[in-house]
Amino acid sequence: LHYLNSSGDKTQDTTRFWFDTRANLRREMEDRKRRFDEKTEVRGKLALALKKAAGNASYFDGVHVFTPHADVPDDTALRLVVLSPEHWYAREETRVAFDAVLEAVQKNGQKPRYRGNRLLFLAPDHGTLARLKDAAATALAWGSIVDDVKEGRLTIDNLQQKQAEKEYKGAEEILPRIARECYRWLLCPVQETPTDPKPVVEAFALNTSGGSLGAEIERVCGDNELVISTWSPIHLRTLLKELYWTDAQRTASAAQFFEDSLRYLYLPRFKTREVLIQAIRTGTTSRDFFGTAYGQDGETLEGFQFGGGEVVFDDTLLLIEPEAARAYEAAHQAKPVSPDPGTAVTTPTPPGTPDTVIPPVQPPPTSPPGAGKDTPKSKAFYGSAEVPVATAKMRLVQIADEIIAVLCSDPNATVKLSVEIAATFPDGVSDSVKRAVSENARSLDIKIADWE
């Protein structure tokens, strides 16, 4: 019995053929390739290749390869979900991939998903999928031959060993390229308006030549505004007018707008919260977009600003419709202050006559001259205040402006300030809160930051 042997790719002109009494390594590889289970071993090899290819997608906070939607966190992070080979995409047959996308957007295991607008999806092309699976099985087969030779389970001559190692190296190099060619569809769930009956999925083809997969995904996301990295306050004002400001409610919570953007597909998908914060800060420098406040008590807007000043993004920040902000500003203009006693007042006089200056009015003495000695001057001030947590930011700013700044206005004053924070958790603090507070305390150089 003789075997027809070959080396290399049979489609290439450099392929060699010869007869031998032993089957060559390629036949051995083909036999082994058929032994690998497609749903476990081949799938695992594909997952490793795709993790390497998509691992450089720094645009996302997390990349999930073949991950069930129950294991994809439902949080504020922007995530890329790489669909499994069973959820392939083709222009003429979109249902398989689209159904998987919509299910992941709406469900988190058995629970509903609340922040579905943080997910984008990468799907395989149906026409290239068979070639990708074959490449993964080939790499597994050559790898098993090399391992068996090293462990002494397979005896071959030195020439065949070098051939096996070369073929294995080539298969490992080819697999990532084929994976890149196959996984070339970026799928994005969208909803044009809040009244649309259900969301749809849009497909965007990735360029498979040149550049990394992560860079190409970032380019497509930016060109098609699938993910917003920079945003204008004009767009924010437009959405607030359409969806939030009404005749009865002229303010909108900035924190609620961001939370809604995580949930609803008809709102922008921000790369991070900082994108929205920057748009708000840019908008506050003008009187064209919105006013701001840090709370509302009846008709009073606490910490009201319109057209200037720094804002801090927190749960209390309100964005006020521009016309309502102008009306509120006009209604709360500061009243003119009467001249203090002791201030010289200049009265207008007819043209051609010199100005007449009314001398300062001296206040009457509080006691007869010489009735007592001078009152001793105070040499120290001590103050403490209980600050409500809900309005802490506004109250601390008021204290800084109206007390600390006045004390510091005396060049001879030495002012020291300390802040004491106490928080209790009847059921124990969560790990995420403890970690965030501890890290922020270190970065802010807080001297005492202890947990009990």
Protein backbone atom coordinates (compact mmCIF):
# COMPACT_ATOMS: atom_id res chain seq x y z
CA LEU A 1 0.00 0.00 0.00
CA HIS A 2 1.39 3.37 -1.05
CA TYR A 3 0.15 6.82 -0.05
CA LEU A 4 0.06 9.91 -2.22
CA ASN A 5 1.60 12.56 0.01
CA SER A 6 1.66 16.32 -0.37
CA SER A 7 3.17 19.29 1.45
CA GLY A 8 1.86 22.82 1.84
CA ASP A 9 -1.35 24.25 0.47
CA LYS A 10 -2.60 22.24 -2.51
CA THR A 11 -3.74 25.43 -4.23
CA GLN A 12 -0.18 26.77 -4.42
CA ASP A 13 2.28 26.06 -7.25
CA THR A 14 5.01 25.15 -4.73
CA THR A 15 3.09 22.12 -3.43
CA ARG A 16 5.10 18.87 -3.60
CA PHE A 17 3.54 15.43 -4.22
CA TRP A 18 5.18 12.02 -3.71
CA PHE A 19 4.42 8.35 -3.06
CA ASP A 20 5.50 6.71 0.18
CA THR A 21 4.66 3.64 2.23
CA ARG A 22 3.77 5.93 5.17
CA ALA A 23 0.98 8.46 5.32
CA ASN A 24 2.42 11.95 5.61
CA LEU A 25 1.68 14.40 8.41
CA ARG A 26 -0.95 16.28 6.43
CA ARG A 27 -3.11 13.17 6.22
CA GLU A 28 -2.59 12.73 9.96
CA MET A 29 -3.60 16.34 10.51
CA GLU A 30 -6.76 15.92 8.41
CA ASP A 31 -7.73 12.85 10.42
CA ARG A 32 -7.21 14.65 13.71
CA LYS A 33 -9.05 17.76 12.53
CA ARG A 34 -12.26 15.77 12.20
CA ARG A 35 -11.99 14.57 15.78
CA PHE A 36 -12.32 17.99 17.38
CA ASP A 37 -15.81 18.89 18.57
CA GLU A 38 -17.09 22.04 16.88
CA LYS A 39 -19.17 23.25 19.83
CA THR A 40 -16.46 22.89 22.46
CA GLU A 41 -12.87 22.63 21.25
CA VAL A 42 -13.19 24.55 17.97
CA ARG A 43 -15.39 27.16 19.63
CA GLY A 44 -12.83 27.59 22.41
CA LYS A 45 -10.03 28.09 19.90
CA LEU A 46 -12.10 30.73 18.09
CA ALA A 47 -12.80 32.51 21.37
CA LEU A 48 -9.08 32.76 22.13
CA ALA A 49 -8.34 34.18 18.69
CA LEU A 50 -11.14 36.75 18.94
CA LYS A 51 -10.11 37.81 22.44
CA LYS A 52 -6.67 38.63 21.08
CA ALA A 53 -8.13 40.45 18.07
CA ALA A 54 -10.67 42.48 20.05
CA GLY A 55 -8.55 42.87 23.15
CA ASN A 56 -7.08 46.12 21.82
CA ALA A 57 -10.53 47.72 21.59
CA SER A 58 -9.73 50.28 24.29
CA TYR A 59 -12.81 52.22 23.17
CA PHE A 60 -14.87 49.89 25.35
CA ASP A 61 -14.83 49.26 29.08
CA GLY A 62 -15.35 45.55 28.48
CA VAL A 63 -15.23 43.02 25.61
CA HIS A 64 -17.32 39.85 25.99
CA VAL A 65 -16.56 36.98 23.60
CA PHE A 66 -19.31 34.34 23.21
CA THR A 67 -20.71 35.46 26.57
CA PRO A 68 -24.37 34.69 27.42
CA HIS A 69 -26.38 37.85 28.05
CA ALA A 70 -26.90 36.74 31.65
CA ASP A 71 -23.14 37.20 32.23
CA VAL A 72 -22.86 40.62 30.56
CA PRO A 73 -23.15 43.19 33.40
CA ASP A 74 -26.07 45.62 33.35
CA ASP A 75 -24.17 48.76 34.36
CA THR A 76 -22.95 52.12 33.03
CA ALA A 77 -19.89 50.71 31.22
CA LEU A 78 -19.72 50.70 27.42
CA ARG A 79 -19.38 47.07 26.29
CA LEU A 80 -18.69 45.18 23.06
CA VAL A 81 -20.40 41.78 22.81
CA VAL A 82 -18.86 39.35 20.29
CA LEU A 83 -21.64 37.04 19.12
CA SER A 84 -21.08 33.30 18.94
CA PRO A 85 -20.74 31.55 15.53
CA GLU A 86 -24.37 30.40 15.74
CA HIS A 87 -25.53 34.02 15.54
CA TRP A 88 -24.10 34.81 12.11
CA TYR A 89 -25.07 37.69 9.85
CA ALA A 90 -25.74 37.82 6.12
CA ARG A 91 -27.24 40.64 4.06
CA GLU A 92 -29.95 38.33 2.75
CA GLU A 93 -30.64 36.76 6.17
CA THR A 94 -30.41 39.12 9.14
CA ARG A 95 -32.86 37.49 11.53
CA VAL A 96 -30.39 35.14 13.26
CA ALA A 97 -28.03 37.90 14.40
CA PHE A 98 -30.68 40.58 14.94
CA ASP A 99 -32.74 38.35 17.24
CA ALA A 100 -29.66 37.68 19.37
CA VAL A 101 -28.90 41.41 19.59
CA LEU A 102 -32.42 42.41 20.62
CA GLU A 103 -32.60 39.63 23.19
CA ALA A 104 -29.32 40.75 24.79
CA VAL A 105 -30.49 44.38 24.85
CA GLN A 106 -33.75 43.51 26.54
CA LYS A 107 -32.69 40.69 28.87
CA ASN A 108 -30.03 40.05 31.49
CA GLY A 109 -30.60 36.36 32.04
CA GLN A 110 -34.08 35.92 33.51
CA LYS A 111 -34.21 39.59 34.52
CA PRO A 112 -34.92 42.58 32.27
CA ARG A 113 -31.91 44.64 31.22
CA TYR A 114 -32.23 48.28 32.26
CA ARG A 115 -29.16 49.76 30.54
CA GLY A 116 -29.36 48.28 27.09
CA ASN A 117 -27.98 51.40 25.40
CA ARG A 118 -24.47 50.49 26.59
CA LEU A 119 -24.06 47.48 24.28
CA LEU A 120 -22.68 47.12 20.75
CA PHE A 121 -22.25 43.79 18.96
CA LEU A 122 -19.75 42.13 16.62
CA ALA A 123 -21.14 39.38 14.37
CA PRO A 124 -19.53 36.83 12.01
CA ASP A 125 -20.14 36.86 8.28
CA HIS A 126 -21.98 33.73 7.21
CA GLY A 127 -19.99 33.34 3.99
CA THR A 128 -16.63 33.22 5.80
CA LEU A 129 -17.69 31.28 8.87
CA ALA A 130 -16.93 27.78 7.51
CA ARG A 131 -13.41 28.84 6.55
CA LEU A 132 -12.85 30.26 10.03
CA LYS A 133 -13.97 27.06 11.73
CA ASP A 134 -11.71 25.01 9.45
CA ALA A 135 -8.74 27.27 10.27
CA ALA A 136 -9.36 26.83 14.00
CA ALA A 137 -9.60 23.03 13.65
CA THR A 138 -6.41 22.99 11.55
CA ALA A 139 -4.50 24.92 14.22
CA LEU A 140 -5.77 22.51 16.87
CA ALA A 141 -4.74 19.48 14.79
CA TRP A 142 -1.21 20.69 14.10
CA GLY A 143 -0.88 21.72 17.74
CA SER A 144 -1.85 18.23 18.91
CA ILE A 145 0.72 16.64 16.57
CA VAL A 146 3.50 18.90 17.87
CA ASP A 147 2.50 18.17 21.47
CA ASP A 148 2.43 14.40 20.86
CA VAL A 149 5.90 14.51 19.32
CA LYS A 150 7.26 16.44 22.32
CA GLU A 151 5.64 14.04 24.78
CA GLY A 152 6.86 10.96 22.87
CA ARG A 153 3.38 9.78 21.96
CA LEU A 154 4.13 10.09 18.23
CA THR A 155 7.40 9.04 16.62
CA ILE A 156 8.48 10.78 13.43
CA ASP A 157 11.81 11.71 11.90
CA ASN A 158 13.46 15.11 12.32
CA LEU A 159 12.32 16.33 8.91
CA GLN A 160 8.69 15.58 9.71
CA GLN A 161 9.03 17.19 13.12
CA LYS A 162 10.27 20.42 11.55
CA GLN A 163 7.45 20.24 9.03
CA ALA A 164 4.86 19.84 11.81
CA GLU A 165 6.27 22.79 13.76
CA LYS A 166 6.29 24.95 10.62
CA GLU A 167 2.72 24.02 9.74
CA TYR A 168 1.56 24.70 13.29
CA LYS A 169 3.19 28.12 13.33
CA GLY A 170 1.61 28.98 9.98
CA ALA A 171 -1.84 27.84 11.15
CA GLU A 172 -1.58 29.98 14.29
CA GLU A 173 -0.61 33.02 12.20
CA ILE A 174 -3.42 32.55 9.69
CA LEU A 175 -6.21 32.08 12.25
CA PRO A 176 -6.31 35.71 13.56
CA ARG A 177 -6.41 37.07 9.99
CA ILE A 178 -9.34 34.85 9.04
CA ALA A 179 -11.10 35.73 12.30
CA ARG A 180 -10.72 39.41 11.43
CA GLU A 181 -12.17 38.79 7.96
CA CYS A 182 -15.09 36.81 9.34
CA TYR A 183 -16.09 39.03 12.26
CA ARG A 184 -16.63 42.14 10.18
CA TRP A 185 -20.17 43.24 11.04
CA LEU A 186 -20.76 45.81 13.78
CA LEU A 187 -24.40 45.64 14.89
CA CYS A 188 -26.03 48.54 16.71
CA PRO A 189 -29.54 48.51 18.25
CA VAL A 190 -31.40 51.78 17.59
CA GLN A 191 -34.78 53.40 18.09
CA GLU A 192 -35.52 56.58 16.17
CA THR A 193 -38.21 58.01 18.46
CA PRO A 194 -39.76 57.13 21.83
CA THR A 195 -43.01 56.22 20.06
CA ASP A 196 -41.48 53.56 17.79
CA PRO A 197 -43.16 50.21 18.56
CA LYS A 198 -39.86 48.33 18.93
CA PRO A 199 -36.14 48.83 18.36
CA VAL A 200 -34.33 47.76 15.21
CA VAL A 201 -30.73 46.77 14.47
CA GLU A 202 -28.40 48.49 12.02
CA ALA A 203 -25.39 46.69 10.51
CA PHE A 204 -22.10 48.42 9.63
CA ALA A 205 -19.35 46.69 7.64
CA LEU A 206 -15.83 46.92 9.04
CA ASN A 207 -12.79 47.32 6.83
CA THR A 208 -10.78 44.11 7.28
CA SER A 209 -7.57 45.36 5.66
CA GLY A 210 -5.08 47.42 7.62
CA GLY A 211 -5.23 48.66 11.19
CA SER A 212 -6.34 46.82 14.27
CA LEU A 213 -9.86 45.63 14.90
CA GLY A 214 -10.24 48.00 17.84
CA ALA A 215 -9.19 51.03 15.80
CA GLU A 216 -11.58 50.10 12.97
CA ILE A 217 -14.51 49.71 15.37
CA GLU A 218 -13.68 53.09 16.90
CA ARG A 219 -13.63 54.69 13.43
CA VAL A 220 -17.02 53.24 12.48
CA CYS A 221 -18.54 54.26 15.81
CA GLY A 222 -17.29 57.81 15.37
CA ASP A 223 -18.21 58.21 11.70
CA ASN A 224 -21.76 56.97 12.25
CA GLU A 225 -22.25 58.55 15.71
CA LEU A 226 -22.92 55.16 17.27
CA VAL A 227 -20.87 56.31 20.26
CA ILE A 228 -20.57 59.99 21.15
CA SER A 229 -17.09 61.12 22.23
CA THR A 230 -17.69 64.88 21.99
CA TRP A 231 -21.05 66.60 22.13
CA SER A 232 -22.34 70.11 21.57
CA PRO A 233 -24.73 71.82 24.02
CA ILE A 234 -26.91 72.59 20.98
CA HIS A 235 -27.83 68.90 20.74
CA LEU A 236 -28.44 68.71 24.48
CA ARG A 237 -30.79 71.71 24.34
CA THR A 238 -32.65 70.18 21.38
CA LEU A 239 -33.30 66.91 23.21
CA LEU A 240 -34.31 68.70 26.40
CA LYS A 241 -36.85 70.73 24.41
CA GLU A 242 -38.24 67.65 22.67
CA LEU A 243 -38.40 65.25 25.61
CA TYR A 244 -38.02 66.99 28.97
CA TRP A 245 -39.01 70.66 29.12
CA THR A 246 -42.76 71.31 29.14
CA ASP A 247 -44.98 74.28 29.94
CA ALA A 248 -45.56 72.80 33.38
CA GLN A 249 -41.96 71.66 33.98
CA ARG A 250 -39.24 74.05 32.81
CA THR A 251 -36.36 72.23 34.51
CA ALA A 252 -34.74 68.84 33.91
CA SER A 253 -32.38 66.80 36.06
CA ALA A 254 -28.96 66.40 34.44
CA ALA A 255 -28.36 63.14 36.32
CA GLN A 256 -31.71 61.77 35.16
CA PHE A 257 -30.88 62.65 31.55
CA PHE A 258 -27.63 60.69 31.80
CA GLU A 259 -29.40 57.74 33.41
CA ASP A 260 -31.99 57.80 30.61
CA SER A 261 -29.19 57.80 28.01
CA LEU A 262 -28.00 54.49 29.46
CA ARG A 263 -31.44 52.94 29.06
CA TYR A 264 -33.23 54.30 26.01
CA LEU A 265 -32.03 53.57 22.48
CA TYR A 266 -33.41 56.84 21.08
CA LEU A 267 -30.95 58.86 23.22
CA PRO A 268 -27.23 59.31 22.47
CA ARG A 269 -24.82 56.57 23.52
CA PHE A 270 -22.07 58.49 25.33
CA LYS A 271 -18.60 57.00 25.56
CA THR A 272 -18.42 58.11 29.19
CA ARG A 273 -20.36 60.41 31.51
CA GLU A 274 -17.61 62.99 31.06
CA VAL A 275 -18.86 63.66 27.51
CA LEU A 276 -22.20 64.93 28.86
CA ILE A 277 -20.51 66.84 31.68
CA GLN A 278 -18.29 68.67 29.19
CA ALA A 279 -21.31 69.58 27.04
CA ILE A 280 -23.08 71.02 30.10
CA ARG A 281 -20.02 73.03 31.13
CA THR A 282 -19.68 74.42 27.63
CA GLY A 283 -23.37 75.32 27.59
CA THR A 284 -23.19 77.23 30.87
CA THR A 285 -20.74 79.74 29.39
CA SER A 286 -23.54 81.08 27.17
CA ARG A 287 -27.09 82.29 27.75
CA ASP A 288 -28.34 80.48 24.63
CA PHE A 289 -28.70 76.93 25.93
CA PHE A 290 -29.87 76.61 29.54
CA GLY A 291 -29.57 77.92 33.05
CA THR A 292 -28.51 75.81 36.02
CA ALA A 293 -29.47 75.36 39.65
CA TYR A 294 -28.76 72.87 42.42
CA GLY A 295 -32.29 72.26 43.59
CA GLN A 296 -35.75 73.76 43.70
CA ASP A 297 -37.76 74.70 46.78
CA GLY A 298 -41.19 75.82 45.63
CA GLU A 299 -40.56 78.75 43.31
CA THR A 300 -36.98 79.22 44.48
CA LEU A 301 -34.09 77.82 42.43
CA GLU A 302 -31.19 77.21 44.77
CA GLY A 303 -27.77 78.10 43.41
CA PHE A 304 -29.28 79.61 40.24
CA GLN A 305 -26.84 80.59 37.47
CA PHE A 306 -27.41 81.73 33.93
CA GLY A 307 -24.64 82.46 31.48
CA GLY A 308 -21.55 82.01 33.59
CA GLY A 309 -19.88 80.24 36.45
CA GLU A 310 -18.61 76.73 37.03
CA VAL A 311 -21.08 73.91 37.54
CA VAL A 312 -20.60 70.61 39.32
CA PHE A 313 -22.38 67.57 37.91
CA ASP A 314 -24.27 65.77 40.67
CA ASP A 315 -27.71 64.39 41.48
CA THR A 316 -29.08 67.85 42.30
CA LEU A 317 -28.02 69.69 39.12
CA LEU A 318 -30.98 71.10 37.16
CA LEU A 319 -30.94 72.34 33.56
CA ILE A 320 -33.39 75.22 33.09
CA GLU A 321 -35.12 76.18 29.85
CA PRO A 322 -33.49 79.46 28.61
CA GLU A 323 -36.65 81.59 28.55
CA ALA A 324 -37.62 80.36 32.01
CA ALA A 325 -34.10 81.19 33.22
CA ARG A 326 -34.37 84.73 31.83
CA ALA A 327 -37.75 85.23 33.47
CA TYR A 328 -36.48 83.92 36.80
CA GLU A 329 -33.39 86.13 36.60
CA ALA A 330 -35.49 89.23 35.86
CA ALA A 331 -37.87 88.50 38.73
CA HIS A 332 -35.01 88.07 41.20
CA GLN A 333 -32.76 90.96 40.22
CA ALA A 334 -30.95 92.40 43.23
CA LYS A 335 -32.61 95.54 44.57
CA PRO A 336 -30.49 98.77 44.65
CA VAL A 337 -28.79 99.29 48.00
CA SER A 338 -29.32 102.60 49.85
CA PRO A 339 -26.14 104.60 50.57
CA ASP A 340 -24.52 103.76 53.88
CA PRO A 341 -24.24 106.51 56.43
CA GLY A 342 -20.93 108.25 56.12
CA THR A 343 -20.84 108.03 52.33
CA ALA A 344 -20.52 111.22 50.33
CA VAL A 345 -23.37 111.75 47.88
CA THR A 346 -23.06 113.80 44.71
CA THR A 347 -26.32 115.37 43.51
CA PRO A 348 -26.87 116.31 39.90
CA THR A 349 -26.85 120.04 39.14
CA PRO A 350 -28.02 122.06 36.17
CA PRO A 351 -25.51 122.45 33.34
CA GLY A 352 -23.04 125.25 33.86
CA THR A 353 -23.07 125.15 37.64
CA PRO A 354 -20.48 123.42 39.79
CA ASP A 355 -21.39 120.14 41.41
CA THR A 356 -22.56 120.39 44.98
CA VAL A 357 -21.23 117.69 47.25
CA ILE A 358 -23.32 116.84 50.27
CA PRO A 359 -20.91 116.11 53.12
CA PRO A 360 -21.07 112.67 54.71
CA VAL A 361 -23.80 112.18 57.27
CA GLN A 362 -22.24 111.18 60.55
CA PRO A 363 -24.24 108.63 62.56
CA PRO A 364 -25.28 109.83 66.03
CA PRO A 365 -23.11 108.58 68.85
CA THR A 366 -24.50 105.53 70.60
CA SER A 367 -23.48 106.97 73.97
CA PRO A 368 -22.35 110.34 75.27
CA PRO A 369 -18.68 111.12 74.57
CA GLY A 370 -16.44 109.90 77.31
CA ALA A 371 -19.21 107.77 78.82
CA GLY A 372 -17.04 104.64 78.85
CA LYS A 373 -13.84 102.94 77.72
CA ASP A 374 -13.28 101.42 74.24
CA THR A 375 -14.88 97.98 73.76
CA PRO A 376 -12.21 95.19 73.66
CA LYS A 377 -11.68 93.70 70.17
CA SER A 378 -12.46 90.03 69.53
CA LYS A 379 -9.38 88.00 68.70
CA ALA A 380 -10.80 84.67 67.50
CA PHE A 381 -13.80 83.17 65.75
CA TYR A 382 -15.03 79.59 66.00
CA GLY A 383 -17.93 78.19 64.03
CA SER A 384 -19.50 74.84 63.25
CA ALA A 385 -22.54 73.92 61.18
CA GLU A 386 -24.61 70.84 60.41
CA VAL A 387 -24.86 70.59 56.63
CA PRO A 388 -27.75 68.63 55.03
CA VAL A 389 -26.38 65.97 52.70
CA ALA A 390 -28.90 66.75 49.96
CA THR A 391 -27.72 70.37 49.69
CA ALA A 392 -24.16 69.89 50.92
CA LYS A 393 -22.49 71.28 47.82
CA MET A 394 -24.57 74.45 47.74
CA ARG A 395 -24.30 75.04 51.51
CA LEU A 396 -20.53 74.56 51.53
CA VAL A 397 -20.19 77.05 48.68
CA GLN A 398 -22.31 79.54 50.64
CA ILE A 399 -20.20 79.07 53.75
CA ALA A 400 -17.03 79.55 51.71
CA ASP A 401 -18.32 82.72 50.03
CA GLU A 402 -20.10 84.36 52.96
CA ILE A 403 -17.94 83.42 55.93
CA ILE A 404 -14.54 82.05 54.97
CA ALA A 405 -13.94 84.65 52.25
CA VAL A 406 -14.91 87.48 54.64
CA LEU A 407 -12.55 86.17 57.32
CA CYS A 408 -9.73 85.90 54.80
CA SER A 409 -10.31 89.48 53.65
CA ASP A 410 -8.49 90.67 56.80
CA PRO A 411 -4.78 90.44 55.96
CA ASN A 412 -3.96 89.86 59.64
CA ALA A 413 -6.26 86.85 59.95
CA THR A 414 -5.03 83.27 60.12
CA VAL A 415 -7.88 81.02 59.03
CA LYS A 416 -7.92 77.26 59.45
CA LEU A 417 -10.66 75.02 58.14
CA SER A 418 -11.43 71.37 58.81
CA VAL A 419 -14.25 69.19 57.48
CA GLU A 420 -15.64 66.24 59.42
CA ILE A 421 -17.62 63.51 57.66
CA ALA A 422 -19.45 60.69 59.40
CA ALA A 423 -21.49 58.02 57.62
CA THR A 424 -23.18 54.92 59.03
CA PHE A 425 -24.48 51.88 57.20
CA PRO A 426 -26.94 49.77 59.24
CA ASP A 427 -26.63 46.84 56.81
CA GLY A 428 -22.95 47.35 56.01
CA VAL A 429 -21.35 49.34 53.19
CA SER A 430 -21.06 47.84 49.70
CA ASP A 431 -17.61 47.03 48.34
CA SER A 432 -18.01 49.42 45.40
CA VAL A 433 -18.86 52.40 47.65
CA LYS A 434 -16.04 51.59 50.07
CA ARG A 435 -13.51 51.24 47.28
CA ALA A 436 -14.59 54.47 45.55
CA VAL A 437 -14.55 56.52 48.77
CA SER A 438 -11.17 55.15 49.85
CA GLU A 439 -9.58 55.86 46.47
CA ASN A 440 -11.05 59.37 46.33
CA ALA A 441 -9.88 60.06 49.90
CA ARG A 442 -6.33 59.09 48.96
CA SER A 443 -6.36 61.23 45.82
CA LEU A 444 -7.70 64.21 47.80
CA ASP A 445 -5.04 63.80 50.53
CA ILE A 446 -7.61 63.39 53.30
CA LYS A 447 -5.59 62.75 56.45
CA ILE A 448 -8.12 60.60 58.30
CA ALA A 449 -10.27 58.19 56.29
CA ASP A 450 -11.04 55.18 58.46
CA TRP A 451 -13.67 52.46 58.21
CA GLU A 452 -15.11 50.56 61.17
